[in-house]
Amino acid sequence: MLNRIWTFFFLGGFAAAIVRALFGHTEVWQEMVASTFDMAETAFKISLGLTGVMCLWLGVMRIGEKGGAVDLLARLFGPLLRRLFPGVPQGHPAAGGIVMNMAANMLGLDNAATPLGLKAMHELQDLNPDKTTASDDMILFMVINTSAVTVLPVTIFTYRAQMGAADPTDIFLPVLIATFCSTLVGLLVTSFFQKIRLWDPVVLGYLGGMTLLVAGLVGYFGSLEREAMETQSTILANFLILLVIIGFMAGGIRRRINLYEAFVDGAKDGFQVAVGIIPYLVAMLVAIGVFRASGALDLVLDGGRALAGGLGLDARFIDGLPTALMKPLSGSGARGMMIDTMQTYGADSFAGRLASVIQGSTETTFYVLAVYFGAVGIRRTRHAVFCGLTADVAGITAAILVSYLFWG
């Protein structure tokens, strides 16, 4: 999939350039060549600049992991997940894998979440009577993974910091709201297909409580003046993030782990991650740069603006849609589009913030489906794709609405 997207940007940009050249815009060839060098340099600078911040956050995450943050979330949400996965017997290894995977996803621990998720999927496959067809529990697990609530979108904070955002964490609350909407809709749609008893008192308690909390945040901030909303949301976001970090350290002290060694251990991974993404980021940003320099991306966006204007809508959200369109298909492609949007319009522009919120609102559906189902040999996915994409649409729609609420 990523190879096709990458090739499409190059060939689409070349085709658009030929059309522009036929109408006398011969400078397009120079612009396209210049963009390849500019975007390659930009990608390299971004990757190197990410090193320090990635080391910081992955070091903090490792303290949280060893300090019991994952175990705490697993115990907290265990009763809910046991009712959402009725086909998993209590005490079965699949149950523990599901809970731990969800907890790791909430903390943004991608390196830990993926192996835990694959282990859980293998355990679910052992319970599956038809080894080539996805079971209800496997589908729900996949949908929750594609739309999992992320409490700390560390990677997005990191990219925003590198792109010059005044406050990289100002998208914290909007991302939390958007990703919650994505998860809730994905759960509701999957429950409709699978007839899950959402009216169970425990399920209603969890979902109702979380929905009221999110609705309360939206209602409170929606009642404030724009300046007060931005000030208070920034203060709350930074306070919560610092509270999480302090909580991680407190958990580490309680478990008597060496905080310094745990931090350094995680920071080493941060360095490797930052350096490891250089070739991928160069490839994607160069392809997007060629596509934009050719005029093809502007043509698509101008068409979207004209359509939105014809419908009487505020068309500013159109500038963030490239990230939304790419997100279900490719995580790297969506990340490249987010960076391109921030570089073009500014990290603190409406478009730059919207692209960041969209990036954090949902996961890459087709990637998760291919990895999780492919790992256990599932060929018939039933309603998994529909439910996953519905959750994506809900998350992206919520990201647009909440961005207008906070920065509109």
Foldseek 3Di string as FASTA:
>chain_A
DVVVVLVCLQVVLVVLLVVVVVVPPVCLVVQLVVLLVVQLVVLVLLLVLLLVLLLQLLLLVLLLVVLCQLVVQLVVCLVQVCQLCVLADPPQPLSVLLSSLLSCQQAVVVVVNVVSLLVSLQSVCVSDPDLQEDDLNRLLSLLCQFLRQHQPPSVQLSSLVSLPPPRSQLCRLLLNLLSLQLNVLLSVVSCVVVVRPCVPPVNCVVNVVVVVVNVVLLVVLLVDDQVVSSVVSSVVRVVVVVVVSVVSNVSSVVVPDDSVVSSSVSSVVSNVVSVVCSVLSSSLLSSNSSSVSSVNVVVVLVVQQVVCVVVVHDSPQSLLCQLLVCFQPDLSNSVSSLSVSCNVPNCPDLSNSLSSSLSSRTHHSVVSCCVNCVSSNHDHHDCSVVSNVSSSVSSSVSSVVVSVSNPD
